[in-house]
Amino acid sequence: MDVLDYLSTTEDLVVVEGKKDAAALSSFGASHIYILSKPLYRCVEEIVSSGRSCIILTDFDPEGKRLFSYLRDALQRRGVKTRSALRFAFFRETNITTVESLSRHLV
């Protein structure tokens, strides 16, 4: 799976909603995972100060889509490159709607 391979080798920050999402991605070798566990403005500040590009892998539910839009816009305004195409490829290739369900859907 191309996107999972990329996630396991990239230096980009992989942004997820929670610990279960992070655990699911870690089990496939992803590193540099950032969990949204603080107020969003703080998360944006920390991501900007990391100096890395990022892949926002919030869920494909209404809340996840809202978070994605907010983060993408806030980060891009501050000069952070967001790799949106990888988000869409991830959900297209895996056929899932929540990141934490990754391990249950792939063999």
N, C-alpha and C. Protein backbone atom coordinates (compact mmCIF):
# COMPACT_ATOMS: atom_id res chain seq x y z
N MET A 1 0.85 -1.18 0.00
CA MET A 1 0.00 0.00 0.00
C MET A 1 0.90 1.24 0.00
N ASP A 2 0.83 2.03 -1.02
CA ASP A 2 1.75 3.14 -1.22
C ASP A 2 1.70 4.20 -0.12
N VAL A 3 0.53 4.62 0.29
CA VAL A 3 0.43 5.68 1.29
C VAL A 3 0.98 5.20 2.64
N LEU A 4 0.67 3.98 3.03
CA LEU A 4 1.21 3.47 4.30
C LEU A 4 2.72 3.34 4.23
N ASP A 5 3.25 2.95 3.09
CA ASP A 5 4.71 2.91 2.92
C ASP A 5 5.29 4.31 3.09
N TYR A 6 4.65 5.27 2.47
CA TYR A 6 5.12 6.65 2.59
C TYR A 6 5.10 7.11 4.04
N LEU A 7 4.01 6.82 4.74
CA LEU A 7 3.88 7.25 6.14
C LEU A 7 4.96 6.63 7.03
N SER A 8 5.43 5.45 6.66
CA SER A 8 6.45 4.79 7.48
C SER A 8 7.86 5.32 7.22
N THR A 9 8.03 6.12 6.17
CA THR A 9 9.36 6.63 5.85
C THR A 9 9.47 8.15 5.86
N THR A 10 8.36 8.85 5.90
CA THR A 10 8.39 10.30 5.78
C THR A 10 8.89 11.00 7.03
N GLU A 11 9.45 12.16 6.83
CA GLU A 11 9.83 13.05 7.93
C GLU A 11 8.71 14.04 8.24
N ASP A 12 7.64 14.01 7.42
CA ASP A 12 6.49 14.89 7.66
C ASP A 12 5.84 14.55 8.99
N LEU A 13 5.22 15.54 9.59
CA LEU A 13 4.44 15.33 10.80
C LEU A 13 3.08 14.77 10.38
N VAL A 14 2.66 13.67 10.98
CA VAL A 14 1.37 13.06 10.68
C VAL A 14 0.41 13.45 11.81
N VAL A 15 -0.58 14.26 11.50
CA VAL A 15 -1.49 14.83 12.50
C VAL A 15 -2.75 13.97 12.59
N VAL A 16 -3.06 13.49 13.80
CA VAL A 16 -4.24 12.64 14.03
C VAL A 16 -5.05 13.17 15.20
N GLU A 17 -6.28 12.68 15.32
CA GLU A 17 -7.20 13.17 16.35
C GLU A 17 -6.94 12.59 17.74
N GLY A 18 -6.51 11.34 17.84
CA GLY A 18 -6.40 10.75 19.17
C GLY A 18 -5.37 9.64 19.27
N LYS A 19 -5.25 9.10 20.49
CA LYS A 19 -4.26 8.06 20.79
C LYS A 19 -4.51 6.78 20.00
N LYS A 20 -5.77 6.41 19.80
CA LYS A 20 -6.06 5.19 19.04
C LYS A 20 -5.65 5.34 17.58
N ASP A 21 -5.83 6.54 17.03
CA ASP A 21 -5.38 6.81 15.66
C ASP A 21 -3.86 6.67 15.58
N ALA A 22 -3.18 7.25 16.54
CA ALA A 22 -1.72 7.18 16.57
C ALA A 22 -1.24 5.74 16.69
N ALA A 23 -1.90 4.96 17.55
CA ALA A 23 -1.51 3.56 17.73
C ALA A 23 -1.71 2.76 16.44
N ALA A 24 -2.81 3.01 15.75
CA ALA A 24 -3.08 2.30 14.50
C ALA A 24 -2.01 2.61 13.46
N LEU A 25 -1.64 3.87 13.33
CA LEU A 25 -0.60 4.24 12.36
C LEU A 25 0.77 3.73 12.79
N SER A 26 1.06 3.78 14.07
CA SER A 26 2.34 3.27 14.58
C SER A 26 2.51 1.79 14.28
N SER A 27 1.42 1.05 14.36
CA SER A 27 1.50 -0.39 14.10
C SER A 27 1.87 -0.69 12.65
N PHE A 28 1.72 0.29 11.78
CA PHE A 28 2.13 0.13 10.38
C PHE A 28 3.44 0.85 10.10
N GLY A 29 4.13 1.26 11.14
CA GLY A 29 5.46 1.84 10.99
C GLY A 29 5.53 3.34 10.89
N ALA A 30 4.41 4.03 11.00
CA ALA A 30 4.44 5.49 10.91
C ALA A 30 5.09 6.08 12.16
N SER A 31 5.85 7.13 11.96
CA SER A 31 6.44 7.83 13.09
C SER A 31 6.17 9.32 12.90
N HIS A 32 6.72 10.15 13.74
CA HIS A 32 6.49 11.59 13.68
C HIS A 32 4.99 11.91 13.74
N ILE A 33 4.30 11.24 14.65
CA ILE A 33 2.85 11.40 14.79
C ILE A 33 2.56 12.49 15.83
N TYR A 34 1.66 13.39 15.47
CA TYR A 34 1.25 14.46 16.37
C TYR A 34 -0.23 14.27 16.69
N ILE A 35 -0.55 14.14 17.98
CA ILE A 35 -1.93 13.94 18.42
C ILE A 35 -2.53 15.29 18.82
N LEU A 36 -3.72 15.57 18.31
CA LEU A 36 -4.43 16.80 18.64
C LEU A 36 -5.02 16.67 20.05
N SER A 37 -4.23 17.03 21.05
CA SER A 37 -4.67 16.83 22.44
C SER A 37 -4.75 18.14 23.22
N LYS A 38 -4.61 19.25 22.53
CA LYS A 38 -4.64 20.57 23.16
C LYS A 38 -5.61 21.45 22.38
N PRO A 39 -5.86 22.66 22.86
CA PRO A 39 -6.66 23.58 22.05
C PRO A 39 -6.03 23.74 20.66
N LEU A 40 -6.87 23.86 19.65
CA LEU A 40 -6.36 23.86 18.27
C LEU A 40 -5.34 24.96 18.01
N TYR A 41 -5.53 26.14 18.58
CA TYR A 41 -4.56 27.22 18.33
C TYR A 41 -3.18 26.82 18.84
N ARG A 42 -3.13 26.08 19.96
CA ARG A 42 -1.85 25.60 20.49
C ARG A 42 -1.24 24.54 19.58
N CYS A 43 -2.08 23.65 19.09
CA CYS A 43 -1.61 22.62 18.16
C CYS A 43 -1.00 23.26 16.93
N VAL A 44 -1.68 24.26 16.39
CA VAL A 44 -1.17 24.97 15.21
C VAL A 44 0.19 25.58 15.53
N GLU A 45 0.32 26.24 16.66
CA GLU A 45 1.60 26.85 17.06
C GLU A 45 2.70 25.80 17.13
N GLU A 46 2.41 24.65 17.73
CA GLU A 46 3.42 23.61 17.88
C GLU A 46 3.82 23.01 16.53
N ILE A 47 2.84 22.80 15.67
CA ILE A 47 3.14 22.25 14.34
C ILE A 47 3.98 23.23 13.55
N VAL A 48 3.62 24.51 13.59
CA VAL A 48 4.40 25.54 12.89
C VAL A 48 5.83 25.55 13.42
N SER A 49 6.00 25.52 14.73
CA SER A 49 7.35 25.60 15.31
C SER A 49 8.18 24.34 15.06
N SER A 50 7.53 23.24 14.67
CA SER A 50 8.29 22.02 14.35
C SER A 50 9.10 22.19 13.07
N GLY A 51 8.66 23.10 12.21
CA GLY A 51 9.37 23.33 10.95
C GLY A 51 9.15 22.25 9.91
N ARG A 52 8.21 21.35 10.14
CA ARG A 52 7.96 20.24 9.21
C ARG A 52 6.71 20.47 8.38
N SER A 53 6.70 19.84 7.21
CA SER A 53 5.45 19.73 6.45
C SER A 53 4.58 18.75 7.21
N CYS A 54 3.28 18.73 6.90
CA CYS A 54 2.43 17.80 7.64
C CYS A 54 1.37 17.16 6.75
N ILE A 55 0.93 16.02 7.23
CA ILE A 55 -0.16 15.26 6.62
C ILE A 55 -1.25 15.21 7.68
N ILE A 56 -2.40 15.79 7.38
CA ILE A 56 -3.49 15.84 8.35
C ILE A 56 -4.40 14.65 8.11
N LEU A 57 -4.37 13.68 9.02
CA LEU A 57 -5.18 12.47 8.88
C LEU A 57 -6.28 12.43 9.93
N THR A 58 -7.12 13.45 9.91
CA THR A 58 -8.32 13.40 10.74
C THR A 58 -9.33 12.51 10.03
N ASP A 59 -10.30 12.01 10.77
CA ASP A 59 -11.28 11.08 10.21
C ASP A 59 -12.10 11.72 9.09
N PHE A 60 -12.79 10.88 8.33
CA PHE A 60 -13.63 11.34 7.24
C PHE A 60 -15.08 11.49 7.68
N ASP A 61 -15.30 11.76 8.96
CA ASP A 61 -16.64 12.06 9.46
C ASP A 61 -16.78 13.59 9.51
N PRO A 62 -17.98 14.12 9.80
CA PRO A 62 -18.15 15.57 9.79
C PRO A 62 -17.17 16.32 10.70
N GLU A 63 -16.93 15.83 11.90
CA GLU A 63 -15.99 16.48 12.81
C GLU A 63 -14.57 16.44 12.26
N GLY A 64 -14.16 15.30 11.73
CA GLY A 64 -12.83 15.18 11.15
C GLY A 64 -12.62 16.09 9.95
N LYS A 65 -13.64 16.21 9.14
CA LYS A 65 -13.56 17.11 7.98
C LYS A 65 -13.47 18.57 8.42
N ARG A 66 -14.20 18.92 9.48
CA ARG A 66 -14.13 20.28 10.01
C ARG A 66 -12.73 20.57 10.57
N LEU A 67 -12.19 19.62 11.31
CA LEU A 67 -10.83 19.77 11.85
C LEU A 67 -9.81 19.90 10.73
N PHE A 68 -9.95 19.06 9.71
CA PHE A 68 -9.03 19.11 8.57
C PHE A 68 -9.04 20.50 7.93
N SER A 69 -10.23 21.01 7.65
CA SER A 69 -10.33 22.32 6.99
C SER A 69 -9.71 23.42 7.84
N TYR A 70 -10.02 23.41 9.13
CA TYR A 70 -9.47 24.43 10.03
C TYR A 70 -7.94 24.35 10.07
N LEU A 71 -7.42 23.15 10.30
CA LEU A 71 -5.97 22.98 10.42
C LEU A 71 -5.26 23.32 9.11
N ARG A 72 -5.78 22.81 8.01
CA ARG A 72 -5.15 23.09 6.71
C ARG A 72 -5.06 24.60 6.48
N ASP A 73 -6.17 25.30 6.68
CA ASP A 73 -6.18 26.74 6.44
C ASP A 73 -5.25 27.48 7.40
N ALA A 74 -5.32 27.14 8.69
CA ALA A 74 -4.49 27.82 9.69
C ALA A 74 -3.00 27.56 9.45
N LEU A 75 -2.66 26.34 9.10
CA LEU A 75 -1.25 26.00 8.88
C LEU A 75 -0.72 26.61 7.59
N GLN A 76 -1.51 26.57 6.53
CA GLN A 76 -1.05 27.15 5.27
C GLN A 76 -0.87 28.66 5.38
N ARG A 77 -1.74 29.32 6.15
CA ARG A 77 -1.58 30.77 6.36
C ARG A 77 -0.26 31.08 7.06
N ARG A 78 0.24 30.12 7.82
CA ARG A 78 1.50 30.32 8.55
C ARG A 78 2.70 29.70 7.83
N GLY A 79 2.50 29.30 6.59
CA GLY A 79 3.61 28.83 5.76
C GLY A 79 3.93 27.35 5.85
N VAL A 80 3.09 26.57 6.51
CA VAL A 80 3.34 25.13 6.62
C VAL A 80 2.76 24.43 5.40
N LYS A 81 3.55 23.59 4.78
CA LYS A 81 3.07 22.81 3.64
C LYS A 81 2.23 21.64 4.17
N THR A 82 1.00 21.55 3.71
CA THR A 82 0.14 20.44 4.10
C THR A 82 -0.07 19.56 2.88
N ARG A 83 0.10 18.29 3.04
CA ARG A 83 0.01 17.35 1.92
C ARG A 83 -1.39 16.75 1.87
N SER A 84 -2.33 17.55 1.41
CA SER A 84 -3.74 17.14 1.37
C SER A 84 -3.98 15.95 0.46
N ALA A 85 -3.25 15.86 -0.63
CA ALA A 85 -3.45 14.75 -1.57
C ALA A 85 -3.20 13.41 -0.89
N LEU A 86 -2.26 13.37 0.04
CA LEU A 86 -1.98 12.12 0.76
C LEU A 86 -3.13 11.73 1.68
N ARG A 87 -3.81 12.71 2.25
CA ARG A 87 -4.99 12.42 3.09
C ARG A 87 -6.04 11.70 2.25
N PHE A 88 -6.34 12.27 1.10
CA PHE A 88 -7.38 11.69 0.25
C PHE A 88 -6.95 10.33 -0.30
N ALA A 89 -5.68 10.19 -0.64
CA ALA A 89 -5.17 8.90 -1.12
C ALA A 89 -5.25 7.85 -0.01
N PHE A 90 -4.94 8.24 1.22
CA PHE A 90 -4.99 7.32 2.36
C PHE A 90 -6.39 6.73 2.50
N PHE A 91 -7.40 7.57 2.52
CA PHE A 91 -8.77 7.07 2.71
C PHE A 91 -9.28 6.33 1.47
N ARG A 92 -8.82 6.73 0.29
CA ARG A 92 -9.21 6.03 -0.93
C ARG A 92 -8.58 4.63 -0.97
N GLU A 93 -7.30 4.55 -0.66
CA GLU A 93 -6.59 3.26 -0.72
C GLU A 93 -7.01 2.29 0.37
N THR A 94 -7.33 2.81 1.54
CA THR A 94 -7.66 1.92 2.66
C THR A 94 -9.14 1.61 2.76
N ASN A 95 -9.98 2.43 2.13
CA ASN A 95 -11.44 2.22 2.17
C ASN A 95 -12.01 2.28 3.58
N ILE A 96 -11.44 3.12 4.42
CA ILE A 96 -11.95 3.29 5.78
C ILE A 96 -12.37 4.75 5.96
N THR A 97 -13.10 5.03 7.03
CA THR A 97 -13.49 6.42 7.31
C THR A 97 -12.91 6.93 8.62
N THR A 98 -12.37 6.04 9.44
CA THR A 98 -11.70 6.46 10.67
C THR A 98 -10.31 5.84 10.72
N VAL A 99 -9.35 6.61 11.15
CA VAL A 99 -7.96 6.15 11.19
C VAL A 99 -7.80 4.98 12.16
N GLU A 100 -8.47 5.04 13.31
CA GLU A 100 -8.30 3.99 14.31
C GLU A 100 -8.77 2.62 13.83
N SER A 101 -9.64 2.59 12.82
CA SER A 101 -10.13 1.30 12.30
C SER A 101 -9.18 0.68 11.29
N LEU A 102 -8.05 1.30 11.05
CA LEU A 102 -7.09 0.82 10.06
C LEU A 102 -6.68 -0.63 10.29
N SER A 103 -6.31 -0.98 11.50
CA SER A 103 -5.82 -2.34 11.76
C SER A 103 -6.92 -3.39 11.61
N ARG A 104 -8.17 -3.02 11.80
CA ARG A 104 -9.27 -3.98 11.64
C ARG A 104 -9.61 -4.23 10.18
N HIS A 105 -9.28 -3.29 9.31
CA HIS A 105 -9.67 -3.40 7.91
C HIS A 105 -8.58 -3.92 6.99
N LEU A 106 -7.35 -3.96 7.48
CA LEU A 106 -6.24 -4.42 6.64
C LEU A 106 -5.65 -5.69 7.21
N VAL A 107 -5.26 -6.55 6.34
CA VAL A 107 -4.65 -7.82 6.77
C VAL A 107 -3.18 -7.78 6.46
